[in-house]
Full PDB file with SEQRES, HELIX, SHEET, SSBOND, CRYST1, ORIGX, SCALE, CONECT and MASTER records, all heavy atoms in Angstrom:
SEQRES   1 A   40  THR ASP ALA THR PHE ILE SER GLU ALA ASP TYR THR LEU          
SEQRES   2 A   40  VAL LYS SER ILE THR PHE ILE ASN SER TYR ASN ILE PRO          
SEQRES   3 A   40  PRO LYS VAL ASN ALA VAL MET GLN ALA VAL ALA ALA MET          
SEQRES   4 A   40  ILE                                                          
SHEET    1 AA1 2 PHE A   5  ILE A   6  0                                        
SHEET    2 AA1 2 ALA A  38  MET A  39  1                                        
CRYST1    1.000    1.000    1.000  90.00  90.00  90.00 P 1           1          
ORIGX1      1.000000  0.000000  0.000000        0.00000                         
ORIGX2      0.000000  1.000000  0.000000        0.00000                         
ORIGX3      0.000000  0.000000  1.000000        0.00000                         
SCALE1      1.000000  0.000000  0.000000        0.00000                         
SCALE2      0.000000  1.000000  0.000000        0.00000                         
SCALE3      0.000000  0.000000  1.000000        0.00000                         
ATOM      1  N   THR A   1     -13.750 -32.339  -0.763  1.00  0.00           N  
ATOM      2  CA  THR A   1     -14.887 -31.550  -1.262  1.00  0.00           C  
ATOM      3  C   THR A   1     -14.853 -30.081  -0.880  1.00  0.00           C  
ATOM      4  O   THR A   1     -15.622 -29.294  -1.439  1.00  0.00           O  
ATOM      5  CB  THR A   1     -16.213 -32.132  -0.734  1.00  0.00           C  
ATOM      6  OG1 THR A   1     -16.199 -32.105   0.709  1.00  0.00           O  
ATOM      7  CG2 THR A   1     -16.413 -33.563  -1.212  1.00  0.00           C  
ATOM      8  N   ASP A   2     -13.989 -29.676   0.043  1.00  0.00           N  
ATOM      9  CA  ASP A   2     -14.129 -28.353   0.647  1.00  0.00           C  
ATOM     10  C   ASP A   2     -13.058 -27.340   0.269  1.00  0.00           C  
ATOM     11  O   ASP A   2     -12.945 -26.286   0.901  1.00  0.00           O  
ATOM     12  CB  ASP A   2     -14.174 -28.486   2.180  1.00  0.00           C  
ATOM     13  CG  ASP A   2     -15.468 -29.139   2.653  1.00  0.00           C  
ATOM     14  OD1 ASP A   2     -16.390 -29.246   1.832  1.00  0.00           O  
ATOM     15  OD2 ASP A   2     -15.556 -29.529   3.828  1.00  0.00           O  
ATOM     16  N   ALA A   3     -12.260 -27.628  -0.752  1.00  0.00           N  
ATOM     17  CA  ALA A   3     -11.253 -26.653  -1.181  1.00  0.00           C  
ATOM     18  C   ALA A   3     -11.923 -25.384  -1.697  1.00  0.00           C  
ATOM     19  O   ALA A   3     -13.031 -25.417  -2.252  1.00  0.00           O  
ATOM     20  CB  ALA A   3     -10.369 -27.250  -2.263  1.00  0.00           C  
ATOM     21  N   THR A   4     -11.239 -24.272  -1.550  1.00  0.00           N  
ATOM     22  CA  THR A   4     -11.752 -23.008  -2.085  1.00  0.00           C  
ATOM     23  C   THR A   4     -11.903 -23.085  -3.597  1.00  0.00           C  
ATOM     24  O   THR A   4     -12.908 -22.663  -4.164  1.00  0.00           O  
ATOM     25  CB  THR A   4     -10.812 -21.852  -1.704  1.00  0.00           C  
ATOM     26  OG1 THR A   4     -10.695 -21.797  -0.268  1.00  0.00           O  
ATOM     27  CG2 THR A   4     -11.309 -20.512  -2.227  1.00  0.00           C  
ATOM     28  N   PHE A   5     -10.882 -23.636  -4.268  1.00  0.00           N  
ATOM     29  CA  PHE A   5     -10.908 -23.781  -5.722  1.00  0.00           C  
ATOM     30  C   PHE A   5     -10.650 -25.235  -6.071  1.00  0.00           C  
ATOM     31  O   PHE A   5      -9.662 -25.826  -5.629  1.00  0.00           O  
ATOM     32  CB  PHE A   5      -9.841 -22.892  -6.356  1.00  0.00           C  
ATOM     33  CG  PHE A   5      -9.703 -23.053  -7.849  1.00  0.00           C  
ATOM     34  CD1 PHE A   5     -10.768 -22.803  -8.695  1.00  0.00           C  
ATOM     35  CD2 PHE A   5      -8.498 -23.458  -8.412  1.00  0.00           C  
ATOM     36  CE1 PHE A   5     -10.647 -22.953 -10.078  1.00  0.00           C  
ATOM     37  CE2 PHE A   5      -8.353 -23.608  -9.792  1.00  0.00           C  
ATOM     38  CZ  PHE A   5      -9.441 -23.350 -10.622  1.00  0.00           C  
ATOM     39  N   ILE A   6     -11.552 -25.837  -6.847  1.00  0.00           N  
ATOM     40  CA  ILE A   6     -11.416 -27.227  -7.283  1.00  0.00           C  
ATOM     41  C   ILE A   6     -11.374 -27.237  -8.805  1.00  0.00           C  
ATOM     42  O   ILE A   6     -12.297 -26.763  -9.462  1.00  0.00           O  
ATOM     43  CB  ILE A   6     -12.592 -28.084  -6.777  1.00  0.00           C  
ATOM     44  CG1 ILE A   6     -12.645 -28.071  -5.246  1.00  0.00           C  
ATOM     45  CG2 ILE A   6     -12.480 -29.514  -7.307  1.00  0.00           C  
ATOM     46  CD1 ILE A   6     -13.887 -28.723  -4.665  1.00  0.00           C  
ATOM     47  N   SER A   7     -10.287 -27.771  -9.348  1.00  0.00           N  
ATOM     48  CA  SER A   7     -10.156 -27.844 -10.801  1.00  0.00           C  
ATOM     49  C   SER A   7      -9.972 -29.301 -11.202  1.00  0.00           C  
ATOM     50  O   SER A   7      -8.923 -29.892 -10.992  1.00  0.00           O  
ATOM     51  CB  SER A   7      -8.962 -27.013 -11.275  1.00  0.00           C  
ATOM     52  OG  SER A   7      -8.825 -27.097 -12.669  1.00  0.00           O  
ATOM     53  N   GLU A   8     -11.021 -29.871 -11.789  1.00  0.00           N  
ATOM     54  CA  GLU A   8     -10.988 -31.269 -12.208  1.00  0.00           C  
ATOM     55  C   GLU A   8     -10.743 -31.427 -13.697  1.00  0.00           C  
ATOM     56  O   GLU A   8     -10.423 -32.520 -14.165  1.00  0.00           O  
ATOM     57  CB  GLU A   8     -12.320 -31.940 -11.860  1.00  0.00           C  
ATOM     58  CG  GLU A   8     -12.642 -31.964 -10.383  1.00  0.00           C  
ATOM     59  CD  GLU A   8     -14.010 -32.558 -10.099  1.00  0.00           C  
ATOM     60  OE1 GLU A   8     -14.832 -32.642 -11.041  1.00  0.00           O  
ATOM     61  OE2 GLU A   8     -14.256 -32.942  -8.929  1.00  0.00           O  
ATOM     62  N   ALA A   9     -10.913 -30.369 -14.454  1.00  0.00           N  
ATOM     63  CA  ALA A   9     -10.874 -30.450 -15.917  1.00  0.00           C  
ATOM     64  C   ALA A   9      -9.453 -30.384 -16.452  1.00  0.00           C  
ATOM     65  O   ALA A   9      -8.585 -29.711 -15.887  1.00  0.00           O  
ATOM     66  CB  ALA A   9     -11.698 -29.319 -16.518  1.00  0.00           C  
ATOM     67  N   ASP A  10      -9.220 -31.068 -17.566  1.00  0.00           N  
ATOM     68  CA  ASP A  10      -7.964 -30.906 -18.296  1.00  0.00           C  
ATOM     69  C   ASP A  10      -7.969 -29.534 -18.961  1.00  0.00           C  
ATOM     70  O   ASP A  10      -9.018 -28.910 -19.159  1.00  0.00           O  
ATOM     71  CB  ASP A  10      -7.835 -31.987 -19.370  1.00  0.00           C  
ATOM     72  CG  ASP A  10      -7.770 -33.396 -18.794  1.00  0.00           C  
ATOM     73  OD1 ASP A  10      -7.574 -33.541 -17.576  1.00  0.00           O  
ATOM     74  OD2 ASP A  10      -7.931 -34.360 -19.583  1.00  0.00           O  
ATOM     75  N   TYR A  11      -6.786 -29.082 -19.336  1.00  0.00           N  
ATOM     76  CA  TYR A  11      -6.637 -27.808 -20.046  1.00  0.00           C  
ATOM     77  C   TYR A  11      -7.326 -26.663 -19.290  1.00  0.00           C  
ATOM     78  O   TYR A  11      -8.215 -25.982 -19.816  1.00  0.00           O  
ATOM     79  CB  TYR A  11      -7.188 -27.906 -21.471  1.00  0.00           C  
ATOM     80  CG  TYR A  11      -6.459 -28.902 -22.331  1.00  0.00           C  
ATOM     81  CD1 TYR A  11      -7.024 -30.144 -22.602  1.00  0.00           C  
ATOM     82  CD2 TYR A  11      -5.202 -28.615 -22.862  1.00  0.00           C  
ATOM     83  CE1 TYR A  11      -6.352 -31.079 -23.386  1.00  0.00           C  
ATOM     84  CE2 TYR A  11      -4.525 -29.543 -23.643  1.00  0.00           C  
ATOM     85  CZ  TYR A  11      -5.102 -30.768 -23.899  1.00  0.00           C  
ATOM     86  OH  TYR A  11      -4.434 -31.693 -24.667  1.00  0.00           O  
ATOM     87  N   THR A  12      -6.893 -26.478 -18.054  1.00  0.00           N  
ATOM     88  CA  THR A  12      -7.326 -25.318 -17.274  1.00  0.00           C  
ATOM     89  C   THR A  12      -6.166 -24.336 -17.221  1.00  0.00           C  
ATOM     90  O   THR A  12      -5.020 -24.726 -17.019  1.00  0.00           O  
ATOM     91  CB  THR A  12      -7.726 -25.729 -15.848  1.00  0.00           C  
ATOM     92  OG1 THR A  12      -8.882 -26.571 -15.917  1.00  0.00           O  
ATOM     93  CG2 THR A  12      -8.041 -24.522 -14.987  1.00  0.00           C  
ATOM     94  N   LEU A  13      -6.460 -23.061 -17.396  1.00  0.00           N  
ATOM     95  CA  LEU A  13      -5.459 -22.007 -17.373  1.00  0.00           C  
ATOM     96  C   LEU A  13      -5.951 -20.908 -16.437  1.00  0.00           C  
ATOM     97  O   LEU A  13      -7.091 -20.444 -16.564  1.00  0.00           O  
ATOM     98  CB  LEU A  13      -5.244 -21.462 -18.784  1.00  0.00           C  
ATOM     99  CG  LEU A  13      -4.341 -20.245 -18.981  1.00  0.00           C  
ATOM    100  CD1 LEU A  13      -2.936 -20.514 -18.459  1.00  0.00           C  
ATOM    101  CD2 LEU A  13      -4.303 -19.872 -20.458  1.00  0.00           C  
ATOM    102  N   VAL A  14      -5.111 -20.513 -15.480  1.00  0.00           N  
ATOM    103  CA  VAL A  14      -5.499 -19.487 -14.513  1.00  0.00           C  
ATOM    104  C   VAL A  14      -4.379 -18.461 -14.398  1.00  0.00           C  
ATOM    105  O   VAL A  14      -3.207 -18.822 -14.268  1.00  0.00           O  
ATOM    106  CB  VAL A  14      -5.798 -20.096 -13.122  1.00  0.00           C  
ATOM    107  CG1 VAL A  14      -6.351 -19.030 -12.182  1.00  0.00           C  
ATOM    108  CG2 VAL A  14      -6.781 -21.258 -13.226  1.00  0.00           C  
ATOM    109  N   LYS A  15      -4.748 -17.188 -14.443  1.00  0.00           N  
ATOM    110  CA  LYS A  15      -3.763 -16.117 -14.332  1.00  0.00           C  
ATOM    111  C   LYS A  15      -4.261 -15.031 -13.366  1.00  0.00           C  
ATOM    112  O   LYS A  15      -5.426 -14.640 -13.398  1.00  0.00           O  
ATOM    113  CB  LYS A  15      -3.496 -15.485 -15.701  1.00  0.00           C  
ATOM    114  CG  LYS A  15      -2.466 -14.355 -15.645  1.00  0.00           C  
ATOM    115  CD  LYS A  15      -2.276 -13.670 -16.995  1.00  0.00           C  
ATOM    116  CE  LYS A  15      -1.268 -12.529 -16.865  1.00  0.00           C  
ATOM    117  NZ  LYS A  15      -1.107 -11.777 -18.132  1.00  0.00           N  
ATOM    118  N   SER A  16      -3.359 -14.581 -12.506  1.00  0.00           N  
ATOM    119  CA  SER A  16      -3.546 -13.357 -11.714  1.00  0.00           C  
ATOM    120  C   SER A  16      -4.736 -13.420 -10.758  1.00  0.00           C  
ATOM    121  O   SER A  16      -5.511 -12.471 -10.635  1.00  0.00           O  
ATOM    122  CB  SER A  16      -3.691 -12.148 -12.654  1.00  0.00           C  
ATOM    123  OG  SER A  16      -2.546 -12.023 -13.466  1.00  0.00           O  
ATOM    124  N   ILE A  17      -4.886 -14.566 -10.080  1.00  0.00           N  
ATOM    125  CA  ILE A  17      -5.924 -14.743  -9.059  1.00  0.00           C  
ATOM    126  C   ILE A  17      -5.284 -15.386  -7.834  1.00  0.00           C  
ATOM    127  O   ILE A  17      -4.407 -16.233  -7.963  1.00  0.00           O  
ATOM    128  CB  ILE A  17      -7.063 -15.651  -9.562  1.00  0.00           C  
ATOM    129  CG1 ILE A  17      -7.681 -15.100 -10.851  1.00  0.00           C  
ATOM    130  CG2 ILE A  17      -8.144 -15.823  -8.498  1.00  0.00           C  
ATOM    131  CD1 ILE A  17      -8.699 -16.037 -11.485  1.00  0.00           C  
ATOM    132  N   THR A  18      -5.735 -14.990  -6.638  1.00  0.00           N  
ATOM    133  CA  THR A  18      -5.290 -15.640  -5.412  1.00  0.00           C  
ATOM    134  C   THR A  18      -6.451 -16.407  -4.798  1.00  0.00           C  
ATOM    135  O   THR A  18      -7.571 -15.897  -4.700  1.00  0.00           O  
ATOM    136  CB  THR A  18      -4.754 -14.608  -4.407  1.00  0.00           C  
ATOM    137  OG1 THR A  18      -3.504 -14.110  -4.882  1.00  0.00           O  
ATOM    138  CG2 THR A  18      -4.528 -15.227  -3.031  1.00  0.00           C  
ATOM    139  N   PHE A  19      -6.166 -17.648  -4.394  1.00  0.00           N  
ATOM    140  CA  PHE A  19      -7.153 -18.512  -3.753  1.00  0.00           C  
ATOM    141  C   PHE A  19      -6.752 -18.687  -2.281  1.00  0.00           C  
ATOM    142  O   PHE A  19      -5.614 -19.056  -1.983  1.00  0.00           O  
ATOM    143  CB  PHE A  19      -7.206 -19.869  -4.449  1.00  0.00           C  
ATOM    144  CG  PHE A  19      -7.547 -19.770  -5.912  1.00  0.00           C  
ATOM    145  CD1 PHE A  19      -6.547 -19.833  -6.878  1.00  0.00           C  
ATOM    146  CD2 PHE A  19      -8.853 -19.584  -6.330  1.00  0.00           C  
ATOM    147  CE1 PHE A  19      -6.837 -19.731  -8.225  1.00  0.00           C  
ATOM    148  CE2 PHE A  19      -9.158 -19.478  -7.676  1.00  0.00           C  
ATOM    149  CZ  PHE A  19      -8.156 -19.545  -8.627  1.00  0.00           C  
ATOM    150  N   ILE A  20      -7.694 -18.420  -1.391  1.00  0.00           N  
ATOM    151  CA  ILE A  20      -7.406 -18.417   0.043  1.00  0.00           C  
ATOM    152  C   ILE A  20      -8.342 -19.370   0.761  1.00  0.00           C  
ATOM    153  O   ILE A  20      -9.554 -19.344   0.534  1.00  0.00           O  
ATOM    154  CB  ILE A  20      -7.594 -17.000   0.634  1.00  0.00           C  
ATOM    155  CG1 ILE A  20      -6.712 -15.975  -0.102  1.00  0.00           C  
ATOM    156  CG2 ILE A  20      -7.298 -16.982   2.132  1.00  0.00           C  
ATOM    157  CD1 ILE A  20      -7.067 -14.528   0.195  1.00  0.00           C  
ATOM    158  N   ASN A  21      -7.778 -20.216   1.640  1.00  0.00           N  
ATOM    159  CA  ASN A  21      -8.613 -20.909   2.612  1.00  0.00           C  
ATOM    160  C   ASN A  21      -8.368 -20.229   3.952  1.00  0.00           C  
ATOM    161  O   ASN A  21      -7.269 -20.308   4.512  1.00  0.00           O  
ATOM    162  CB  ASN A  21      -8.309 -22.403   2.697  1.00  0.00           C  
ATOM    163  CG  ASN A  21      -9.383 -23.127   3.499  1.00  0.00           C  
ATOM    164  OD1 ASN A  21      -9.738 -22.725   4.599  1.00  0.00           O  
ATOM    165  ND2 ASN A  21      -9.923 -24.203   2.935  1.00  0.00           N  
ATOM    166  N   SER A  22      -9.378 -19.564   4.444  1.00  0.00           N  
ATOM    167  CA  SER A  22      -9.220 -18.690   5.614  1.00  0.00           C  
ATOM    168  C   SER A  22      -9.437 -19.406   6.938  1.00  0.00           C  
ATOM    169  O   SER A  22      -9.315 -18.783   7.997  1.00  0.00           O  
ATOM    170  CB  SER A  22     -10.209 -17.520   5.509  1.00  0.00           C  
ATOM    171  OG  SER A  22     -11.549 -17.994   5.480  1.00  0.00           O  
ATOM    172  N   TYR A  23      -9.733 -20.712   6.905  1.00  0.00           N  
ATOM    173  CA  TYR A  23     -10.133 -21.381   8.141  1.00  0.00           C  
ATOM    174  C   TYR A  23      -9.078 -21.279   9.244  1.00  0.00           C  
ATOM    175  O   TYR A  23      -9.403 -21.010  10.400  1.00  0.00           O  
ATOM    176  CB  TYR A  23     -10.462 -22.850   7.889  1.00  0.00           C  
ATOM    177  CG  TYR A  23     -10.853 -23.560   9.171  1.00  0.00           C  
ATOM    178  CD1 TYR A  23     -12.093 -23.326   9.741  1.00  0.00           C  
ATOM    179  CD2 TYR A  23      -9.964 -24.412   9.826  1.00  0.00           C  
ATOM    180  CE1 TYR A  23     -12.454 -23.931  10.935  1.00  0.00           C  
ATOM    181  CE2 TYR A  23     -10.321 -25.023  11.015  1.00  0.00           C  
ATOM    182  CZ  TYR A  23     -11.562 -24.779  11.566  1.00  0.00           C  
ATOM    183  OH  TYR A  23     -11.907 -25.373  12.757  1.00  0.00           O  
ATOM    184  N   ASN A  24      -7.816 -21.503   8.897  1.00  0.00           N  
ATOM    185  CA  ASN A  24      -6.751 -21.498   9.911  1.00  0.00           C  
ATOM    186  C   ASN A  24      -6.059 -20.148  10.056  1.00  0.00           C  
ATOM    187  O   ASN A  24      -5.002 -20.060  10.686  1.00  0.00           O  
ATOM    188  CB  ASN A  24      -5.686 -22.542   9.542  1.00  0.00           C  
ATOM    189  CG  ASN A  24      -6.210 -23.959   9.632  1.00  0.00           C  
ATOM    190  OD1 ASN A  24      -6.827 -24.345  10.609  1.00  0.00           O  
ATOM    191  ND2 ASN A  24      -5.967 -24.743   8.600  1.00  0.00           N  
ATOM    192  N   ILE A  25      -6.589 -19.108   9.465  1.00  0.00           N  
ATOM    193  CA  ILE A  25      -5.921 -17.804   9.475  1.00  0.00           C  
ATOM    194  C   ILE A  25      -6.670 -16.857  10.400  1.00  0.00           C  
ATOM    195  O   ILE A  25      -7.835 -16.552  10.164  1.00  0.00           O  
ATOM    196  CB  ILE A  25      -5.856 -17.221   8.055  1.00  0.00           C  
ATOM    197  CG1 ILE A  25      -5.094 -18.191   7.141  1.00  0.00           C  
ATOM    198  CG2 ILE A  25      -5.199 -15.864   8.049  1.00  0.00           C  
ATOM    199  CD1 ILE A  25      -5.107 -17.812   5.685  1.00  0.00           C  
ATOM    200  N   PRO A  26      -6.038 -16.362  11.507  1.00  0.00           N  
ATOM    201  CA  PRO A  26      -4.679 -16.717  11.929  1.00  0.00           C  
ATOM    202  C   PRO A  26      -4.638 -18.153  12.467  1.00  0.00           C  
ATOM    203  O   PRO A  26      -5.684 -18.683  12.851  1.00  0.00           O  
ATOM    204  CB  PRO A  26      -4.387 -15.696  13.036  1.00  0.00           C  
ATOM    205  CG  PRO A  26      -5.733 -15.361  13.595  1.00  0.00           C  
ATOM    206  CD  PRO A  26      -6.676 -15.399  12.426  1.00  0.00           C  
ATOM    207  N   PRO A  27      -3.429 -18.776  12.510  1.00  0.00           N  
ATOM    208  CA  PRO A  27      -3.337 -20.162  12.965  1.00  0.00           C  
ATOM    209  C   PRO A  27      -3.928 -20.355  14.349  1.00  0.00           C  
ATOM    210  O   PRO A  27      -3.699 -19.549  15.250  1.00  0.00           O  
ATOM    211  CB  PRO A  27      -1.825 -20.434  12.965  1.00  0.00           C  
ATOM    212  CG  PRO A  27      -1.273 -19.456  11.988  1.00  0.00           C  
ATOM    213  CD  PRO A  27      -2.123 -18.227  12.112  1.00  0.00           C  
ATOM    214  N   LYS A  28      -4.726 -21.404  14.494  1.00  0.00           N  
ATOM    215  CA  LYS A  28      -5.314 -21.733  15.791  1.00  0.00           C  
ATOM    216  C   LYS A  28      -4.365 -22.712  16.485  1.00  0.00           C  
ATOM    217  O   LYS A  28      -4.251 -23.866  16.080  1.00  0.00           O  
ATOM    218  CB  LYS A  28      -6.695 -22.355  15.591  1.00  0.00           C  
ATOM    219  CG  LYS A  28      -7.662 -21.451  14.821  1.00  0.00           C  
ATOM    220  CD  LYS A  28      -8.930 -22.207  14.452  1.00  0.00           C  
ATOM    221  CE  LYS A  28      -9.933 -21.332  13.747  1.00  0.00           C  
ATOM    222  NZ  LYS A  28      -9.473 -20.839  12.439  1.00  0.00           N  
ATOM    223  N   VAL A  29      -3.656 -22.243  17.498  1.00  0.00           N  
ATOM    224  CA  VAL A  29      -2.645 -23.055  18.158  1.00  0.00           C  
ATOM    225  C   VAL A  29      -3.267 -24.358  18.660  1.00  0.00           C  
ATOM    226  O   VAL A  29      -4.312 -24.368  19.305  1.00  0.00           O  
ATOM    227  CB  VAL A  29      -2.006 -22.280  19.323  1.00  0.00           C  
ATOM    228  CG1 VAL A  29      -0.995 -23.159  20.067  1.00  0.00           C  
ATOM    229  CG2 VAL A  29      -1.321 -21.016  18.804  1.00  0.00           C  
ATOM    230  N   ASN A  30      -2.637 -25.477  18.310  1.00  0.00           N  
ATOM    231  CA  ASN A  30      -3.056 -26.836  18.673  1.00  0.00           C  
ATOM    232  C   ASN A  30      -4.392 -27.246  18.039  1.00  0.00           C  
ATOM    233  O   ASN A  30      -4.953 -28.274  18.387  1.00  0.00           O  
ATOM    234  CB  ASN A  30      -3.168 -26.997  20.202  1.00  0.00           C  
ATOM    235  CG  ASN A  30      -1.838 -26.797  20.890  1.00  0.00           C  
ATOM    236  OD1 ASN A  30      -0.802 -27.178  20.364  1.00  0.00           O  
ATOM    237  ND2 ASN A  30      -1.868 -26.178  22.066  1.00  0.00           N  
ATOM    238  N   ALA A  31      -4.893 -26.439  17.096  1.00  0.00           N  
ATOM    239  CA  ALA A  31      -6.167 -26.799  16.474  1.00  0.00           C  
ATOM    240  C   ALA A  31      -6.144 -26.562  14.970  1.00  0.00           C  
ATOM    241  O   ALA A  31      -7.190 -26.454  14.355  1.00  0.00           O  
ATOM    242  CB  ALA A  31      -7.297 -26.007  17.120  1.00  0.00           C  
ATOM    243  N   VAL A  32      -4.953 -26.495  14.377  1.00  0.00           N  
ATOM    244  CA  VAL A  32      -4.868 -26.310  12.933  1.00  0.00           C  
ATOM    245  C   VAL A  32      -5.396 -27.558  12.242  1.00  0.00           C  
ATOM    246  O   VAL A  32      -5.063 -28.679  12.612  1.00  0.00           O  
ATOM    247  CB  VAL A  32      -3.408 -26.027  12.512  1.00  0.00           C  
ATOM    248  CG1 VAL A  32      -3.268 -26.067  11.000  1.00  0.00           C  
ATOM    249  CG2 VAL A  32      -2.974 -24.667  13.033  1.00  0.00           C  
ATOM    250  N   MET A  33      -6.244 -27.363  11.244  1.00  0.00           N  
ATOM    251  CA  MET A  33      -6.834 -28.484  10.514  1.00  0.00           C  
ATOM    252  C   MET A  33      -6.492 -28.397   9.032  1.00  0.00           C  
ATOM    253  O   MET A  33      -6.112 -27.344   8.537  1.00  0.00           O  
ATOM    254  CB  MET A  33      -8.361 -28.475  10.680  1.00  0.00           C  
ATOM    255  CG  MET A  33      -8.833 -28.791  12.080  1.00  0.00           C  
ATOM    256  SD  MET A  33     -10.653 -28.776  12.189  1.00  0.00           S  
ATOM    257  CE  MET A  33     -11.053 -30.153  11.090  1.00  0.00           C  
ATOM    258  N   GLN A  34      -6.659 -29.521   8.340  1.00  0.00           N  
ATOM    259  CA  GLN A  34      -6.503 -29.526   6.893  1.00  0.00           C  
ATOM    260  C   GLN A  34      -7.549 -28.602   6.286  1.00  0.00           C  
ATOM    261  O   GLN A  34      -8.739 -28.750   6.543  1.00  0.00           O  
ATOM    262  CB  GLN A  34      -6.686 -30.945   6.353  1.00  0.00           C  
ATOM    263  CG  GLN A  34      -5.620 -31.927   6.810  1.00  0.00           C  
ATOM    264  CD  GLN A  34      -5.968 -33.344   6.405  1.00  0.00           C  
ATOM    265  OE1 GLN A  34      -7.004 -33.872   6.794  1.00  0.00           O  
ATOM    266  NE2 GLN A  34      -5.106 -33.968   5.615  1.00  0.00           N  
ATOM    267  N   ALA A  35      -7.085 -27.634   5.501  1.00  0.00           N  
ATOM    268  CA  ALA A  35      -7.996 -26.655   4.909  1.00  0.00           C  
ATOM    269  C   ALA A  35      -7.380 -26.223   3.580  1.00  0.00           C  
ATOM    270  O   ALA A  35      -6.459 -25.408   3.547  1.00  0.00           O  
ATOM    271  CB  ALA A  35      -8.197 -25.474   5.846  1.00  0.00           C  
ATOM    272  N   VAL A  36      -7.901 -26.774   2.495  1.00  0.00           N  
ATOM    273  CA  VAL A  36      -7.272 -26.674   1.175  1.00  0.00           C  
ATOM    274  C   VAL A  36      -7.717 -25.402   0.448  1.00  0.00           C  
ATOM    275  O   VAL A  36      -8.917 -25.108   0.361  1.00  0.00           O  
ATOM    276  CB  VAL A  36      -7.607 -27.918   0.324  1.00  0.00           C  
ATOM    277  CG1 VAL A  36      -6.955 -27.843  -1.041  1.00  0.00           C  
ATOM    278  CG2 VAL A  36      -7.179 -29.194   1.058  1.00  0.00           C  
ATOM    279  N   ALA A  37      -6.754 -24.667  -0.086  1.00  0.00           N  
ATOM    280  CA  ALA A  37      -7.073 -23.483  -0.891  1.00  0.00           C  
ATOM    281  C   ALA A  37      -7.335 -23.863  -2.344  1.00  0.00           C  
ATOM    282  O   ALA A  37      -8.190 -23.258  -2.997  1.00  0.00           O  
ATOM    283  CB  ALA A  37      -5.945 -22.463  -0.807  1.00  0.00           C  
ATOM    284  N   ALA A  38      -6.597 -24.837  -2.866  1.00  0.00           N  
ATOM    285  CA  ALA A  38      -6.803 -25.257  -4.258  1.00  0.00           C  
ATOM    286  C   ALA A  38      -6.532 -26.752  -4.380  1.00  0.00           C  
ATOM    287  O   ALA A  38      -5.560 -27.265  -3.826  1.00  0.00           O  
ATOM    288  CB  ALA A  38      -5.902 -24.477  -5.206  1.00  0.00           C  
ATOM    289  N   MET A  39      -7.385 -27.408  -5.143  1.00  0.00           N  
ATOM    290  CA  MET A  39      -7.286 -28.850  -5.398  1.00  0.00           C  
ATOM    291  C   MET A  39      -7.269 -29.043  -6.911  1.00  0.00           C  
ATOM    292  O   MET A  39      -8.255 -28.786  -7.592  1.00  0.00           O  
ATOM    293  CB  MET A  39      -8.490 -29.564  -4.772  1.00  0.00           C  
ATOM    294  CG  MET A  39      -8.609 -31.030  -5.076  1.00  0.00           C  
ATOM    295  SD  MET A  39     -10.142 -31.682  -4.315  1.00  0.00           S  
ATOM    296  CE  MET A  39     -10.189 -33.315  -5.044  1.00  0.00           C  
ATOM    297  N   ILE A  40      -6.120 -29.469  -7.444  1.00  0.00           N  
ATOM    298  CA  ILE A  40      -5.915 -29.532  -8.891  1.00  0.00           C  
ATOM    299  C   ILE A  40      -5.741 -30.989  -9.313  1.00  0.00           C  
ATOM    300  O   ILE A  40      -4.739 -31.619  -8.991  1.00  0.00           O  
ATOM    301  CB  ILE A  40      -4.663 -28.728  -9.315  1.00  0.00           C  
ATOM    302  CG1 ILE A  40      -4.605 -27.374  -8.604  1.00  0.00           C  
ATOM    303  CG2 ILE A  40      -4.610 -28.588 -10.830  1.00  0.00           C  
ATOM    304  CD1 ILE A  40      -5.775 -26.466  -8.869  1.00  0.00           C  
TER     305      ILE A  40                                                      
MASTER        0    0    0    0    2    0    0    6  304    1    0    4          
END                                                                             
């Protein structure tokens, strides 16, 4: 449920955009977690 960008629909077209999940940036040593930028 927590991705930055979630695309569930058929026929999706995306151009010239960046999707960022900032949770682990910069990486947290020994505490990196699953953090999705895009879910297609």
